Amino acid sequence: MKNVTITMEDGAADWARMEAARRNTSVSRLVGELVAEKMHRNDAYERAMREALEFKSWGPSKGRYLTRDEMYTRGAR
């Protein structure tokens, strides 16, 4: 583990102290957990984005594409 000094606004520091107390932990551990959570969320988002962009088609379409009107009235027949 690394020790890091951070600077934050007074209001953010007050919130961090109260939230840490509510969770029965230290401000240091709270901030570490919040940063780790953000890191994991960003990693998951980037992984999903890469997978979506790498999506390969199921092959060429057969026939013409439906018009907008056909698409929304097709199930009504």
N, C-alpha and C. Protein backbone atom coordinates (compact mmCIF):
# COMPACT_ATOMS: atom_id res chain seq x y z
N MET A 1 0.84 -1.18 0.00
CA MET A 1 0.00 0.00 0.00
C MET A 1 0.88 1.24 0.00
N LYS A 2 0.40 2.27 -0.66
CA LYS A 2 1.11 3.54 -0.73
C LYS A 2 0.39 4.58 0.11
N ASN A 3 1.15 5.43 0.75
CA ASN A 3 0.58 6.60 1.44
C ASN A 3 0.54 7.74 0.45
N VAL A 4 -0.59 8.43 0.39
CA VAL A 4 -0.77 9.53 -0.55
C VAL A 4 -1.38 10.70 0.21
N THR A 5 -0.89 11.89 -0.06
CA THR A 5 -1.47 13.10 0.52
C THR A 5 -2.39 13.71 -0.52
N ILE A 6 -3.62 14.04 -0.13
CA ILE A 6 -4.57 14.64 -1.07
C ILE A 6 -5.03 15.98 -0.54
N THR A 7 -5.48 16.82 -1.45
CA THR A 7 -6.04 18.12 -1.11
C THR A 7 -7.47 18.14 -1.60
N MET A 8 -8.38 18.60 -0.73
CA MET A 8 -9.79 18.69 -1.13
C MET A 8 -10.43 19.89 -0.46
N GLU A 9 -11.57 20.26 -1.00
CA GLU A 9 -12.32 21.38 -0.43
C GLU A 9 -12.77 21.02 0.98
N ASP A 10 -12.99 22.05 1.79
CA ASP A 10 -13.41 21.84 3.18
C ASP A 10 -14.70 21.02 3.26
N GLY A 11 -15.66 21.33 2.42
CA GLY A 11 -16.92 20.61 2.43
C GLY A 11 -16.74 19.13 2.11
N ALA A 12 -15.87 18.83 1.15
CA ALA A 12 -15.60 17.44 0.79
C ALA A 12 -14.90 16.71 1.93
N ALA A 13 -13.99 17.41 2.60
CA ALA A 13 -13.29 16.80 3.74
C ALA A 13 -14.25 16.52 4.89
N ASP A 14 -15.16 17.46 5.13
CA ASP A 14 -16.17 17.26 6.19
C ASP A 14 -17.05 16.06 5.86
N TRP A 15 -17.50 15.98 4.60
CA TRP A 15 -18.33 14.85 4.19
C TRP A 15 -17.56 13.53 4.35
N ALA A 16 -16.29 13.53 3.95
CA ALA A 16 -15.47 12.31 4.05
C ALA A 16 -15.34 11.87 5.51
N ARG A 17 -15.13 12.82 6.41
CA ARG A 17 -15.03 12.47 7.84
C ARG A 17 -16.33 11.87 8.36
N MET A 18 -17.45 12.50 8.00
CA MET A 18 -18.75 11.99 8.47
C MET A 18 -19.07 10.63 7.85
N GLU A 19 -18.79 10.47 6.57
CA GLU A 19 -19.07 9.20 5.90
C GLU A 19 -18.18 8.09 6.45
N ALA A 20 -16.93 8.40 6.71
CA ALA A 20 -16.01 7.41 7.29
C ALA A 20 -16.50 7.00 8.68
N ALA A 21 -16.94 7.97 9.46
CA ALA A 21 -17.45 7.65 10.80
C ALA A 21 -18.71 6.79 10.70
N ARG A 22 -19.58 7.13 9.75
CA ARG A 22 -20.81 6.35 9.57
C ARG A 22 -20.49 4.91 9.21
N ARG A 23 -19.44 4.71 8.40
CA ARG A 23 -19.04 3.37 7.98
C ARG A 23 -18.08 2.70 8.95
N ASN A 24 -17.75 3.43 10.03
CA ASN A 24 -16.82 2.91 11.03
C ASN A 24 -15.46 2.56 10.43
N THR A 25 -14.93 3.49 9.65
CA THR A 25 -13.63 3.30 9.02
C THR A 25 -12.88 4.63 9.03
N SER A 26 -11.69 4.63 8.51
CA SER A 26 -10.90 5.87 8.45
C SER A 26 -11.17 6.60 7.13
N VAL A 27 -10.86 7.89 7.13
CA VAL A 27 -10.99 8.67 5.90
C VAL A 27 -10.06 8.10 4.84
N SER A 28 -8.87 7.70 5.25
CA SER A 28 -7.91 7.14 4.32
C SER A 28 -8.47 5.89 3.63
N ARG A 29 -9.04 4.98 4.42
CA ARG A 29 -9.60 3.75 3.84
C ARG A 29 -10.81 4.07 2.97
N LEU A 30 -11.65 5.01 3.40
CA LEU A 30 -12.82 5.41 2.62
C LEU A 30 -12.39 5.93 1.25
N VAL A 31 -11.44 6.84 1.24
CA VAL A 31 -10.98 7.41 -0.03
C VAL A 31 -10.36 6.31 -0.90
N GLY A 32 -9.59 5.43 -0.31
CA GLY A 32 -9.00 4.33 -1.07
C GLY A 32 -10.06 3.44 -1.69
N GLU A 33 -11.13 3.13 -0.93
CA GLU A 33 -12.21 2.30 -1.46
C GLU A 33 -12.96 3.01 -2.58
N LEU A 34 -13.20 4.31 -2.42
CA LEU A 34 -13.90 5.06 -3.45
C LEU A 34 -13.10 5.12 -4.74
N VAL A 35 -11.79 5.31 -4.62
CA VAL A 35 -10.94 5.35 -5.81
C VAL A 35 -10.90 3.98 -6.48
N ALA A 36 -10.78 2.91 -5.69
CA ALA A 36 -10.75 1.56 -6.26
C ALA A 36 -12.07 1.24 -6.96
N GLU A 37 -13.20 1.65 -6.35
CA GLU A 37 -14.52 1.41 -6.96
C GLU A 37 -14.62 2.14 -8.29
N LYS A 38 -14.17 3.38 -8.34
CA LYS A 38 -14.19 4.17 -9.58
C LYS A 38 -13.32 3.50 -10.63
N MET A 39 -12.16 3.01 -10.24
CA MET A 39 -11.25 2.35 -11.16
C MET A 39 -11.90 1.10 -11.77
N HIS A 40 -12.56 0.29 -10.93
CA HIS A 40 -13.19 -0.93 -11.42
C HIS A 40 -14.37 -0.62 -12.34
N ARG A 41 -15.14 0.42 -12.00
CA ARG A 41 -16.26 0.82 -12.86
C ARG A 41 -15.76 1.28 -14.22
N ASN A 42 -14.68 2.07 -14.23
CA ASN A 42 -14.13 2.55 -15.49
C ASN A 42 -13.59 1.39 -16.31
N ASP A 43 -12.91 0.44 -15.66
CA ASP A 43 -12.38 -0.72 -16.36
C ASP A 43 -13.51 -1.52 -16.99
N ALA A 44 -14.60 -1.73 -16.26
CA ALA A 44 -15.73 -2.49 -16.78
C ALA A 44 -16.36 -1.77 -17.96
N TYR A 45 -16.47 -0.45 -17.87
CA TYR A 45 -17.05 0.34 -18.96
C TYR A 45 -16.18 0.24 -20.20
N GLU A 46 -14.87 0.42 -20.03
CA GLU A 46 -13.96 0.37 -21.17
C GLU A 46 -13.95 -1.02 -21.80
N ARG A 47 -14.02 -2.07 -20.99
CA ARG A 47 -14.06 -3.44 -21.50
C ARG A 47 -15.34 -3.66 -22.32
N ALA A 48 -16.48 -3.19 -21.80
CA ALA A 48 -17.74 -3.33 -22.52
C ALA A 48 -17.72 -2.53 -23.82
N MET A 49 -17.12 -1.36 -23.79
CA MET A 49 -17.03 -0.53 -24.99
C MET A 49 -16.18 -1.23 -26.05
N ARG A 50 -15.05 -1.79 -25.64
CA ARG A 50 -14.19 -2.52 -26.59
C ARG A 50 -14.94 -3.70 -27.21
N GLU A 51 -15.67 -4.45 -26.37
CA GLU A 51 -16.43 -5.60 -26.88
C GLU A 51 -17.50 -5.14 -27.86
N ALA A 52 -18.18 -4.05 -27.55
CA ALA A 52 -19.22 -3.55 -28.45
C ALA A 52 -18.63 -3.09 -29.77
N LEU A 53 -17.49 -2.44 -29.72
CA LEU A 53 -16.87 -1.95 -30.95
C LEU A 53 -16.26 -3.07 -31.78
N GLU A 54 -15.91 -4.18 -31.13
CA GLU A 54 -15.35 -5.32 -31.85
C GLU A 54 -16.42 -6.24 -32.40
N PHE A 55 -17.71 -5.95 -32.14
CA PHE A 55 -18.81 -6.81 -32.57
C PHE A 55 -18.74 -7.00 -34.08
N LYS A 56 -18.81 -8.23 -34.48
CA LYS A 56 -18.80 -8.56 -35.91
C LYS A 56 -20.23 -8.88 -36.33
N SER A 57 -20.55 -8.53 -37.53
CA SER A 57 -21.88 -8.77 -38.07
C SER A 57 -22.13 -10.28 -38.18
N TRP A 58 -23.39 -10.65 -38.23
CA TRP A 58 -23.75 -12.05 -38.43
C TRP A 58 -23.70 -12.41 -39.91
N GLY A 59 -23.28 -11.50 -40.72
CA GLY A 59 -23.19 -11.75 -42.16
C GLY A 59 -24.01 -10.73 -42.92
N PRO A 60 -23.95 -10.81 -44.24
CA PRO A 60 -24.69 -9.84 -45.04
C PRO A 60 -26.19 -10.06 -44.91
N SER A 61 -26.94 -8.98 -45.05
CA SER A 61 -28.39 -9.11 -44.98
C SER A 61 -28.91 -9.65 -46.31
N LYS A 62 -30.06 -10.27 -46.23
CA LYS A 62 -30.67 -10.81 -47.45
C LYS A 62 -31.88 -9.95 -47.75
N GLY A 63 -31.92 -9.38 -48.90
CA GLY A 63 -33.05 -8.54 -49.27
C GLY A 63 -32.85 -7.11 -48.82
N ARG A 64 -33.88 -6.33 -48.98
CA ARG A 64 -33.79 -4.91 -48.65
C ARG A 64 -34.11 -4.69 -47.17
N TYR A 65 -33.71 -3.53 -46.67
CA TYR A 65 -34.05 -3.14 -45.31
C TYR A 65 -35.49 -2.68 -45.27
N LEU A 66 -36.14 -2.87 -44.12
CA LEU A 66 -37.51 -2.37 -43.95
C LEU A 66 -37.49 -0.85 -43.87
N THR A 67 -38.55 -0.24 -44.37
CA THR A 67 -38.71 1.20 -44.18
C THR A 67 -39.18 1.42 -42.75
N ARG A 68 -39.15 2.64 -42.31
CA ARG A 68 -39.61 2.96 -40.95
C ARG A 68 -41.08 2.57 -40.78
N ASP A 69 -41.90 2.89 -41.74
CA ASP A 69 -43.33 2.55 -41.66
C ASP A 69 -43.53 1.05 -41.60
N GLU A 70 -42.81 0.31 -42.42
CA GLU A 70 -42.94 -1.15 -42.39
C GLU A 70 -42.50 -1.73 -41.07
N MET A 71 -41.48 -1.18 -40.49
CA MET A 71 -40.95 -1.69 -39.24
C MET A 71 -41.97 -1.55 -38.11
N TYR A 72 -42.71 -0.46 -38.08
CA TYR A 72 -43.63 -0.21 -36.99
C TYR A 72 -45.04 -0.72 -37.22
N THR A 73 -45.37 -1.12 -38.43
CA THR A 73 -46.70 -1.66 -38.71
C THR A 73 -46.68 -3.15 -38.99
N ARG A 74 -45.53 -3.73 -39.08
CA ARG A 74 -45.41 -5.14 -39.45
C ARG A 74 -46.13 -6.07 -38.48
N GLY A 75 -46.01 -5.85 -37.18
CA GLY A 75 -46.63 -6.73 -36.19
C GLY A 75 -48.14 -6.56 -36.11
N ALA A 76 -48.69 -5.51 -36.70
CA ALA A 76 -50.12 -5.23 -36.61
C ALA A 76 -50.93 -6.06 -37.61
N ARG A 77 -50.27 -6.70 -38.54
CA ARG A 77 -50.98 -7.48 -39.58
C ARG A 77 -51.52 -8.76 -39.05
